[in-house]
Amino acid sequence: MKIAWDFKSAVFNLLLVGVLILLLAPLLIVFISSFLDKAHLSWPFNDFTFRWYIEVFKRDIWVKALMNSLIVAGLTTLLTLIICTPAAYAITRKTNRITENLRTFFMSPIMIPPVMIGISLLIFLSNFGFRGSYLDLALGHTLWAGPIVFITMIAVFERFNPIYAYAAQDLGANSLEIFWQITLPMVKPGLIASIFLSFVLSTQEFIIGLFLYTPKTIILPVEIYTAIRYELSPAISAISVYLVGIVVIGLFVIDRMIGIENVSFSGKG
């Protein structure tokens, strides 16, 4: 029995494997280099060691940058939920020209290069004397993470069955009571996914943070960039693996809560 051989499928599979290798190779190199037994990145190496994963917490600058990143990510998460969740709920309730324009408005920051966002915020905040706080970085990260959370929450609300809201309305509940007591509890998985999504996006954002940070508010991606200009230490690879771990955990939670396929740019659930 001869097995049919599809040339196009074989070429496509080879290209797919090649793309996957290109995408995963840098991560694999960073992961392996974080276990080097030498004080600098060089090949070959003799043994594996975990000491760099402990070493990063012995450096005050790394710990400070990590804490700053967590604080900024927490503020970013709070701002994105406060702004984007009610906006997504209001837009999904009615479809007209106004809501479509509002949908475009909330999504517009993602179409602007982060460099332009960083420069604009730097000029704006400096004119008002607000530069140099965690809130500055959180505002910048909100402009970057907000549209993604907004799109995600639209997908969540569009999958919400409105019959429960109608029933509550028939029983005398007003719009605010319906939102807080009926809608939000039923879309809790989507909210949790949005929390992780905005938190992950904030911890990984670099370009906006590069324009807005000060020595007191330097965040981890910027500190990694600064450190790698002066040293090639396996400790940098180790802290990078920690950042990748945050992404992996966040994506796992999002996939379990609402499905990663619903984090799309279509706004449809």
C-alpha atoms as a PDB file:
ATOM      1  CA  MET A   1       0.000   0.000   0.000  1.00  0.00           C
ATOM      2  CA  LYS A   2       1.486   3.320  -1.042  1.00  0.00           C
ATOM      3  CA  ILE A   3       1.166   6.311   1.255  1.00  0.00           C
ATOM      4  CA  ALA A   4       0.151   9.480  -0.566  1.00  0.00           C
ATOM      5  CA  TRP A   5       2.784  12.180  -0.202  1.00  0.00           C
ATOM      6  CA  ASP A   6       1.558  15.750  -0.391  1.00  0.00           C
ATOM      7  CA  PHE A   7       4.417  18.003  -1.466  1.00  0.00           C
ATOM      8  CA  LYS A   8       2.645  21.221  -0.430  1.00  0.00           C
ATOM      9  CA  SER A   9       1.841  19.890   3.032  1.00  0.00           C
ATOM     10  CA  ALA A  10       5.414  18.718   3.506  1.00  0.00           C
ATOM     11  CA  VAL A  11       6.808  22.128   2.524  1.00  0.00           C
ATOM     12  CA  PHE A  12       4.320  23.879   4.794  1.00  0.00           C
ATOM     13  CA  ASN A  13       5.241  21.637   7.743  1.00  0.00           C
ATOM     14  CA  LEU A  14       8.946  22.240   7.171  1.00  0.00           C
ATOM     15  CA  LEU A  15       8.383  25.984   7.089  1.00  0.00           C
ATOM     16  CA  LEU A  16       6.286  25.750  10.235  1.00  0.00           C
ATOM     17  CA  VAL A  17       9.026  23.841  12.038  1.00  0.00           C
ATOM     18  CA  GLY A  18      11.590  26.382  10.857  1.00  0.00           C
ATOM     19  CA  VAL A  19       9.526  29.303  12.170  1.00  0.00           C
ATOM     20  CA  LEU A  20       9.030  27.573  15.512  1.00  0.00           C
ATOM     21  CA  ILE A  21      12.771  26.993  15.808  1.00  0.00           C
ATOM     22  CA  LEU A  22      13.495  30.635  15.030  1.00  0.00           C
ATOM     23  CA  LEU A  23      10.971  31.766  17.638  1.00  0.00           C
ATOM     24  CA  LEU A  24      11.997  29.351  20.370  1.00  0.00           C
ATOM     25  CA  ALA A  25      15.761  29.338  19.831  1.00  0.00           C
ATOM     26  CA  PRO A  26      16.388  32.676  21.638  1.00  0.00           C
ATOM     27  CA  LEU A  27      14.324  31.514  24.615  1.00  0.00           C
ATOM     28  CA  LEU A  28      16.203  28.223  24.703  1.00  0.00           C
ATOM     29  CA  ILE A  29      19.566  30.009  24.600  1.00  0.00           C
ATOM     30  CA  VAL A  30      18.543  32.320  27.452  1.00  0.00           C
ATOM     31  CA  PHE A  31      17.278  29.368  29.491  1.00  0.00           C
ATOM     32  CA  ILE A  32      20.460  27.311  29.025  1.00  0.00           C
ATOM     33  CA  SER A  33      22.757  30.267  29.671  1.00  0.00           C
ATOM     34  CA  SER A  34      21.057  30.935  33.010  1.00  0.00           C
ATOM     35  CA  PHE A  35      22.609  27.696  34.325  1.00  0.00           C
ATOM     36  CA  LEU A  36      26.209  28.424  33.298  1.00  0.00           C
ATOM     37  CA  ASP A  37      28.845  27.817  35.950  1.00  0.00           C
ATOM     38  CA  LYS A  38      30.891  30.838  34.853  1.00  0.00           C
ATOM     39  CA  ALA A  39      30.558  34.467  35.902  1.00  0.00           C
ATOM     40  CA  HIS A  40      30.100  35.591  32.300  1.00  0.00           C
ATOM     41  CA  LEU A  41      28.332  34.215  29.247  1.00  0.00           C
ATOM     42  CA  SER A  42      30.782  32.075  27.295  1.00  0.00           C
ATOM     43  CA  TRP A  43      30.932  28.649  25.698  1.00  0.00           C
ATOM     44  CA  PRO A  44      31.730  25.886  26.382  1.00  0.00           C
ATOM     45  CA  PHE A  45      30.826  25.373  30.029  1.00  0.00           C
ATOM     46  CA  ASN A  46      31.518  22.520  32.408  1.00  0.00           C
ATOM     47  CA  ASP A  47      28.633  22.208  34.860  1.00  0.00           C
ATOM     48  CA  PHE A  48      25.115  23.469  35.455  1.00  0.00           C
ATOM     49  CA  THR A  49      24.334  25.603  38.501  1.00  0.00           C
ATOM     50  CA  PHE A  50      21.258  27.217  40.018  1.00  0.00           C
ATOM     51  CA  ARG A  51      23.201  29.873  41.882  1.00  0.00           C
ATOM     52  CA  TRP A  52      22.297  32.662  39.453  1.00  0.00           C
ATOM     53  CA  TYR A  53      18.602  32.273  40.250  1.00  0.00           C
ATOM     54  CA  ILE A  54      19.503  32.996  43.879  1.00  0.00           C
ATOM     55  CA  GLU A  55      22.145  35.582  43.018  1.00  0.00           C
ATOM     56  CA  VAL A  56      19.632  37.962  41.426  1.00  0.00           C
ATOM     57  CA  PHE A  57      17.868  38.359  44.781  1.00  0.00           C
ATOM     58  CA  LYS A  58      21.145  39.247  46.477  1.00  0.00           C
ATOM     59  CA  ARG A  59      21.602  42.318  44.297  1.00  0.00           C
ATOM     60  CA  ASP A  60      19.716  45.289  45.691  1.00  0.00           C
ATOM     61  CA  ILE A  61      19.274  46.920  42.286  1.00  0.00           C
ATOM     62  CA  TRP A  62      17.584  43.813  40.889  1.00  0.00           C
ATOM     63  CA  VAL A  63      15.268  43.498  43.884  1.00  0.00           C
ATOM     64  CA  LYS A  64      14.422  47.196  43.695  1.00  0.00           C
ATOM     65  CA  ALA A  65      13.673  46.979  39.965  1.00  0.00           C
ATOM     66  CA  LEU A  66      11.528  43.877  40.511  1.00  0.00           C
ATOM     67  CA  MET A  67       9.527  45.551  43.273  1.00  0.00           C
ATOM     68  CA  ASN A  68       9.064  48.642  41.102  1.00  0.00           C
ATOM     69  CA  SER A  69       7.789  46.468  38.251  1.00  0.00           C
ATOM     70  CA  LEU A  70       5.307  44.738  40.543  1.00  0.00           C
ATOM     71  CA  ILE A  71       4.049  48.063  41.930  1.00  0.00           C
ATOM     72  CA  VAL A  72       3.645  49.568  38.452  1.00  0.00           C
ATOM     73  CA  ALA A  73       1.964  46.389  37.187  1.00  0.00           C
ATOM     74  CA  GLY A  74      -0.469  46.497  40.107  1.00  0.00           C
ATOM     75  CA  LEU A  75      -1.383  50.133  39.415  1.00  0.00           C
ATOM     76  CA  THR A  76      -1.686  49.381  35.697  1.00  0.00           C
ATOM     77  CA  THR A  77      -4.025  46.477  36.400  1.00  0.00           C
ATOM     78  CA  LEU A  78      -6.189  48.656  38.629  1.00  0.00           C
ATOM     79  CA  LEU A  79      -6.393  51.471  36.069  1.00  0.00           C
ATOM     80  CA  THR A  80      -7.156  49.179  33.130  1.00  0.00           C
ATOM     81  CA  LEU A  81      -9.950  47.417  35.012  1.00  0.00           C
ATOM     82  CA  ILE A  82     -11.505  50.677  36.228  1.00  0.00           C
ATOM     83  CA  ILE A  83     -11.408  52.240  32.761  1.00  0.00           C
ATOM     84  CA  CYS A  84     -11.831  49.351  30.339  1.00  0.00           C
ATOM     85  CA  THR A  85     -14.352  47.092  32.084  1.00  0.00           C
ATOM     86  CA  PRO A  86     -17.208  49.637  32.334  1.00  0.00           C
ATOM     87  CA  ALA A  87     -16.378  50.922  28.836  1.00  0.00           C
ATOM     88  CA  ALA A  88     -16.534  47.436  27.322  1.00  0.00           C
ATOM     89  CA  TYR A  89     -19.794  46.716  29.153  1.00  0.00           C
ATOM     90  CA  ALA A  90     -21.424  49.943  27.954  1.00  0.00           C
ATOM     91  CA  ILE A  91     -20.324  49.428  24.349  1.00  0.00           C
ATOM     92  CA  THR A  92     -21.587  45.841  24.168  1.00  0.00           C
ATOM     93  CA  ARG A  93     -25.033  46.831  25.470  1.00  0.00           C
ATOM     94  CA  LYS A  94     -25.803  49.045  22.477  1.00  0.00           C
ATOM     95  CA  THR A  95     -24.478  49.068  18.940  1.00  0.00           C
ATOM     96  CA  ASN A  96     -24.632  52.363  17.093  1.00  0.00           C
ATOM     97  CA  ARG A  97     -22.301  54.874  15.501  1.00  0.00           C
ATOM     98  CA  ILE A  98     -21.369  56.423  18.840  1.00  0.00           C
ATOM     99  CA  THR A  99     -20.394  53.111  20.428  1.00  0.00           C
ATOM    100  CA  GLU A 100     -18.453  52.083  17.328  1.00  0.00           C
ATOM    101  CA  ASN A 101     -16.511  55.351  17.486  1.00  0.00           C
ATOM    102  CA  LEU A 102     -15.861  54.774  21.178  1.00  0.00           C
ATOM    103  CA  ARG A 103     -14.652  51.257  20.400  1.00  0.00           C
ATOM    104  CA  THR A 104     -12.177  52.685  17.889  1.00  0.00           C
ATOM    105  CA  PHE A 105     -11.095  55.347  20.389  1.00  0.00           C
ATOM    106  CA  PHE A 106     -10.302  52.819  23.114  1.00  0.00           C
ATOM    107  CA  MET A 107      -8.412  50.608  20.659  1.00  0.00           C
ATOM    108  CA  SER A 108      -6.435  53.452  19.062  1.00  0.00           C
ATOM    109  CA  PRO A 109      -3.442  53.449  21.489  1.00  0.00           C
ATOM    110  CA  ILE A 110      -2.423  49.987  20.317  1.00  0.00           C
ATOM    111  CA  MET A 111      -1.980  51.370  16.804  1.00  0.00           C
ATOM    112  CA  ILE A 112       0.440  54.059  18.040  1.00  0.00           C
ATOM    113  CA  PRO A 113       4.142  53.086  18.317  1.00  0.00           C
ATOM    114  CA  PRO A 114       5.239  52.818  21.975  1.00  0.00           C
ATOM    115  CA  VAL A 115       8.068  55.276  21.219  1.00  0.00           C
ATOM    116  CA  MET A 116       5.516  57.969  20.374  1.00  0.00           C
ATOM    117  CA  ILE A 117       3.507  57.187  23.495  1.00  0.00           C
ATOM    118  CA  GLY A 118       6.644  57.389  25.634  1.00  0.00           C
ATOM    119  CA  ILE A 119       7.804  60.694  24.136  1.00  0.00           C
ATOM    120  CA  SER A 120       4.342  62.259  24.349  1.00  0.00           C
ATOM    121  CA  LEU A 121       3.869  61.260  27.978  1.00  0.00           C
ATOM    122  CA  LEU A 122       7.390  62.410  28.849  1.00  0.00           C
ATOM    123  CA  ILE A 123       6.706  65.891  27.444  1.00  0.00           C
ATOM    124  CA  PHE A 124       3.188  66.095  28.874  1.00  0.00           C
ATOM    125  CA  LEU A 125       4.054  64.925  32.381  1.00  0.00           C
ATOM    126  CA  SER A 126       7.227  67.018  32.550  1.00  0.00           C
ATOM    127  CA  ASN A 127       5.266  70.180  31.750  1.00  0.00           C
ATOM    128  CA  PHE A 128       2.992  69.536  34.726  1.00  0.00           C
ATOM    129  CA  GLY A 129       5.759  68.383  37.037  1.00  0.00           C
ATOM    130  CA  PHE A 130       4.331  64.889  37.457  1.00  0.00           C
ATOM    131  CA  ARG A 131       7.285  62.904  36.140  1.00  0.00           C
ATOM    132  CA  GLY A 132       9.129  60.587  38.482  1.00  0.00           C
ATOM    133  CA  SER A 133       6.354  58.567  40.130  1.00  0.00           C
ATOM    134  CA  TYR A 134       4.937  55.090  39.783  1.00  0.00           C
ATOM    135  CA  LEU A 135       1.717  56.597  38.494  1.00  0.00           C
ATOM    136  CA  ASP A 136       3.545  57.990  35.443  1.00  0.00           C
ATOM    137  CA  LEU A 137       4.705  54.538  34.417  1.00  0.00           C
ATOM    138  CA  ALA A 138       1.299  53.056  35.200  1.00  0.00           C
ATOM    139  CA  LEU A 139      -0.401  55.612  32.945  1.00  0.00           C
ATOM    140  CA  GLY A 140       1.961  54.749  30.110  1.00  0.00           C
ATOM    141  CA  HIS A 141       1.451  51.028  30.592  1.00  0.00           C
ATOM    142  CA  THR A 142      -2.318  51.550  30.768  1.00  0.00           C
ATOM    143  CA  LEU A 143      -2.252  53.095  27.303  1.00  0.00           C
ATOM    144  CA  TRP A 144      -0.414  49.987  26.103  1.00  0.00           C
ATOM    145  CA  ALA A 145      -2.287  47.262  28.012  1.00  0.00           C
ATOM    146  CA  GLY A 146      -5.692  48.963  28.123  1.00  0.00           C
ATOM    147  CA  PRO A 147      -6.747  48.227  24.522  1.00  0.00           C
ATOM    148  CA  ILE A 148      -5.907  44.531  24.939  1.00  0.00           C
ATOM    149  CA  VAL A 149      -7.934  44.297  28.151  1.00  0.00           C
ATOM    150  CA  PHE A 150     -10.730  46.295  26.508  1.00  0.00           C
ATOM    151  CA  ILE A 151     -10.914  43.868  23.585  1.00  0.00           C
ATOM    152  CA  THR A 152     -10.823  40.901  25.947  1.00  0.00           C
ATOM    153  CA  MET A 153     -13.655  42.250  28.090  1.00  0.00           C
ATOM    154  CA  ILE A 154     -15.744  42.983  24.990  1.00  0.00           C
ATOM    155  CA  ALA A 155     -15.357  39.323  24.003  1.00  0.00           C
ATOM    156  CA  VAL A 156     -16.384  38.309  27.530  1.00  0.00           C
ATOM    157  CA  PHE A 157     -19.429  40.591  27.695  1.00  0.00           C
ATOM    158  CA  GLU A 158     -20.605  39.563  24.230  1.00  0.00           C
ATOM    159  CA  ARG A 159     -20.701  35.947  25.424  1.00  0.00           C
ATOM    160  CA  PHE A 160     -22.754  36.969  28.477  1.00  0.00           C
ATOM    161  CA  ASN A 161     -26.399  35.895  28.315  1.00  0.00           C
ATOM    162  CA  PRO A 162     -28.467  39.076  28.896  1.00  0.00           C
ATOM    163  CA  ILE A 163     -31.548  37.180  30.046  1.00  0.00           C
ATOM    164  CA  TYR A 164     -30.376  37.408  33.684  1.00  0.00           C
ATOM    165  CA  ALA A 165     -29.966  41.175  33.399  1.00  0.00           C
ATOM    166  CA  TYR A 166     -33.448  41.458  31.894  1.00  0.00           C
ATOM    167  CA  ALA A 167     -34.880  39.401  34.743  1.00  0.00           C
ATOM    168  CA  ALA A 168     -33.181  41.618  37.326  1.00  0.00           C
ATOM    169  CA  GLN A 169     -34.457  44.698  35.523  1.00  0.00           C
ATOM    170  CA  ASP A 170     -38.020  43.325  35.613  1.00  0.00           C
ATOM    171  CA  LEU A 171     -37.596  42.872  39.370  1.00  0.00           C
ATOM    172  CA  GLY A 172     -36.729  46.532  39.800  1.00  0.00           C
ATOM    173  CA  ALA A 173     -32.935  46.579  39.725  1.00  0.00           C
ATOM    174  CA  ASN A 174     -31.310  49.641  38.175  1.00  0.00           C
ATOM    175  CA  SER A 175     -28.416  49.561  35.704  1.00  0.00           C
ATOM    176  CA  LEU A 176     -25.724  49.971  38.379  1.00  0.00           C
ATOM    177  CA  GLU A 177     -27.168  47.176  40.525  1.00  0.00           C
ATOM    178  CA  ILE A 178     -27.406  44.893  37.490  1.00  0.00           C
ATOM    179  CA  PHE A 179     -23.781  45.599  36.615  1.00  0.00           C
ATOM    180  CA  TRP A 180     -22.391  45.011  40.118  1.00  0.00           C
ATOM    181  CA  GLN A 181     -24.639  42.215  41.356  1.00  0.00           C
ATOM    182  CA  ILE A 182     -25.466  40.262  38.192  1.00  0.00           C
ATOM    183  CA  THR A 183     -23.042  40.940  35.360  1.00  0.00           C
ATOM    184  CA  LEU A 184     -19.686  41.180  37.143  1.00  0.00           C
ATOM    185  CA  PRO A 185     -20.077  37.969  39.191  1.00  0.00           C
ATOM    186  CA  MET A 186     -21.025  36.048  36.033  1.00  0.00           C
ATOM    187  CA  VAL A 187     -18.029  37.326  34.042  1.00  0.00           C
ATOM    188  CA  LYS A 188     -15.575  36.754  36.906  1.00  0.00           C
ATOM    189  CA  PRO A 189     -13.365  34.366  34.871  1.00  0.00           C
ATOM    190  CA  GLY A 190     -12.971  37.072  32.228  1.00  0.00           C
ATOM    191  CA  LEU A 191     -12.085  39.627  34.903  1.00  0.00           C
ATOM    192  CA  ILE A 192      -9.456  37.332  36.381  1.00  0.00           C
ATOM    193  CA  ALA A 193      -8.020  36.738  32.915  1.00  0.00           C
ATOM    194  CA  SER A 194      -7.921  40.499  32.297  1.00  0.00           C
ATOM    195  CA  ILE A 195      -6.129  41.042  35.602  1.00  0.00           C
ATOM    196  CA  PHE A 196      -3.403  38.591  34.622  1.00  0.00           C
ATOM    197  CA  LEU A 197      -3.273  39.965  31.091  1.00  0.00           C
ATOM    198  CA  SER A 198      -2.731  43.584  32.132  1.00  0.00           C
ATOM    199  CA  PHE A 199      -0.285  42.538  34.852  1.00  0.00           C
ATOM    200  CA  VAL A 200       1.796  40.474  32.428  1.00  0.00           C
ATOM    201  CA  LEU A 201       1.799  43.166  29.745  1.00  0.00           C
ATOM    202  CA  SER A 202       2.963  45.749  32.267  1.00  0.00           C
ATOM    203  CA  THR A 203       5.804  43.638  33.642  1.00  0.00           C
ATOM    204  CA  GLN A 204       7.108  42.984  30.120  1.00  0.00           C
ATOM    205  CA  GLU A 205       6.770  46.513  28.694  1.00  0.00           C
ATOM    206  CA  PHE A 206      10.122  48.206  28.020  1.00  0.00           C
ATOM    207  CA  ILE A 207       9.959  51.096  25.538  1.00  0.00           C
ATOM    208  CA  ILE A 208       7.470  53.330  27.366  1.00  0.00           C
ATOM    209  CA  GLY A 209       9.214  52.602  30.651  1.00  0.00           C
ATOM    210  CA  LEU A 210      12.555  53.615  29.142  1.00  0.00           C
ATOM    211  CA  PHE A 211      11.231  57.147  28.585  1.00  0.00           C
ATOM    212  CA  LEU A 212       9.399  57.559  31.888  1.00  0.00           C
ATOM    213  CA  TYR A 213      11.569  55.884  34.516  1.00  0.00           C
ATOM    214  CA  THR A 214      13.738  57.645  37.073  1.00  0.00           C
ATOM    215  CA  PRO A 215      16.494  56.089  39.246  1.00  0.00           C
ATOM    216  CA  LYS A 216      13.906  55.608  41.992  1.00  0.00           C
ATOM    217  CA  THR A 217      11.274  54.041  39.737  1.00  0.00           C
ATOM    218  CA  ILE A 218      13.401  51.982  37.340  1.00  0.00           C
ATOM    219  CA  ILE A 219      11.562  48.833  36.296  1.00  0.00           C
ATOM    220  CA  LEU A 220      13.003  45.404  35.622  1.00  0.00           C
ATOM    221  CA  PRO A 221      13.034  45.367  31.775  1.00  0.00           C
ATOM    222  CA  VAL A 222      14.855  48.723  31.766  1.00  0.00           C
ATOM    223  CA  GLU A 223      17.313  47.493  34.388  1.00  0.00           C
ATOM    224  CA  ILE A 224      18.016  44.394  32.300  1.00  0.00           C
ATOM    225  CA  TYR A 225      18.702  46.599  29.278  1.00  0.00           C
ATOM    226  CA  THR A 226      21.011  48.820  31.352  1.00  0.00           C
ATOM    227  CA  ALA A 227      22.883  45.886  32.883  1.00  0.00           C
ATOM    228  CA  ILE A 228      23.429  43.995  29.639  1.00  0.00           C
ATOM    229  CA  ARG A 229      25.242  47.018  28.192  1.00  0.00           C
ATOM    230  CA  TYR A 230      27.993  46.619  30.794  1.00  0.00           C
ATOM    231  CA  GLU A 231      28.094  42.909  31.602  1.00  0.00           C
ATOM    232  CA  LEU A 232      27.117  39.549  30.138  1.00  0.00           C
ATOM    233  CA  SER A 233      26.274  37.628  33.267  1.00  0.00           C
ATOM    234  CA  PRO A 234      24.165  34.476  33.598  1.00  0.00           C
ATOM    235  CA  ALA A 235      22.282  36.426  36.276  1.00  0.00           C
ATOM    236  CA  ILE A 236      20.712  38.484  33.481  1.00  0.00           C
ATOM    237  CA  SER A 237      19.534  35.285  31.816  1.00  0.00           C
ATOM    238  CA  ALA A 238      18.154  34.065  35.142  1.00  0.00           C
ATOM    239  CA  ILE A 239      16.087  37.204  35.729  1.00  0.00           C
ATOM    240  CA  SER A 240      14.899  36.983  32.124  1.00  0.00           C
ATOM    241  CA  VAL A 241      13.683  33.447  32.783  1.00  0.00           C
ATOM    242  CA  TYR A 242      11.694  34.800  35.731  1.00  0.00           C
ATOM    243  CA  LEU A 243      10.021  37.288  33.377  1.00  0.00           C
ATOM    244  CA  VAL A 244       9.242  34.522  30.896  1.00  0.00           C
ATOM    245  CA  GLY A 245       7.771  32.529  33.767  1.00  0.00           C
ATOM    246  CA  ILE A 246       5.384  35.385  34.559  1.00  0.00           C
ATOM    247  CA  VAL A 247       4.208  35.327  30.932  1.00  0.00           C
ATOM    248  CA  VAL A 248       3.727  31.554  30.927  1.00  0.00           C
ATOM    249  CA  ILE A 249       1.708  31.635  34.162  1.00  0.00           C
ATOM    250  CA  GLY A 250      -0.414  34.508  32.886  1.00  0.00           C
ATOM    251  CA  LEU A 251      -1.165  32.811  29.571  1.00  0.00           C
ATOM    252  CA  PHE A 252      -2.034  29.571  31.370  1.00  0.00           C
ATOM    253  CA  VAL A 253      -4.519  31.349  33.637  1.00  0.00           C
ATOM    254  CA  ILE A 254      -6.045  33.264  30.700  1.00  0.00           C
ATOM    255  CA  ASP A 255      -6.420  30.062  28.689  1.00  0.00           C
ATOM    256  CA  ARG A 256      -8.068  28.266  31.597  1.00  0.00           C
ATOM    257  CA  MET A 257     -10.418  31.153  32.374  1.00  0.00           C
ATOM    258  CA  ILE A 258     -11.700  32.320  28.982  1.00  0.00           C
ATOM    259  CA  GLY A 259      -9.594  30.569  26.343  1.00  0.00           C
ATOM    260  CA  ILE A 260      -6.616  32.209  24.702  1.00  0.00           C
ATOM    261  CA  GLU A 261      -8.484  32.328  21.384  1.00  0.00           C
ATOM    262  CA  ASN A 262     -10.837  34.965  22.828  1.00  0.00           C
ATOM    263  CA  VAL A 263      -7.990  37.454  23.303  1.00  0.00           C
ATOM    264  CA  SER A 264      -8.354  38.727  19.769  1.00  0.00           C
ATOM    265  CA  PHE A 265      -8.603  41.984  17.929  1.00  0.00           C
ATOM    266  CA  SER A 266     -12.005  41.317  16.490  1.00  0.00           C
ATOM    267  CA  GLY A 267     -13.937  42.148  19.626  1.00  0.00           C
ATOM    268  CA  LYS A 268     -16.183  39.161  19.021  1.00  0.00           C
ATOM    269  CA  GLY A 269     -16.685  36.359  21.462  1.00  0.00           C
END
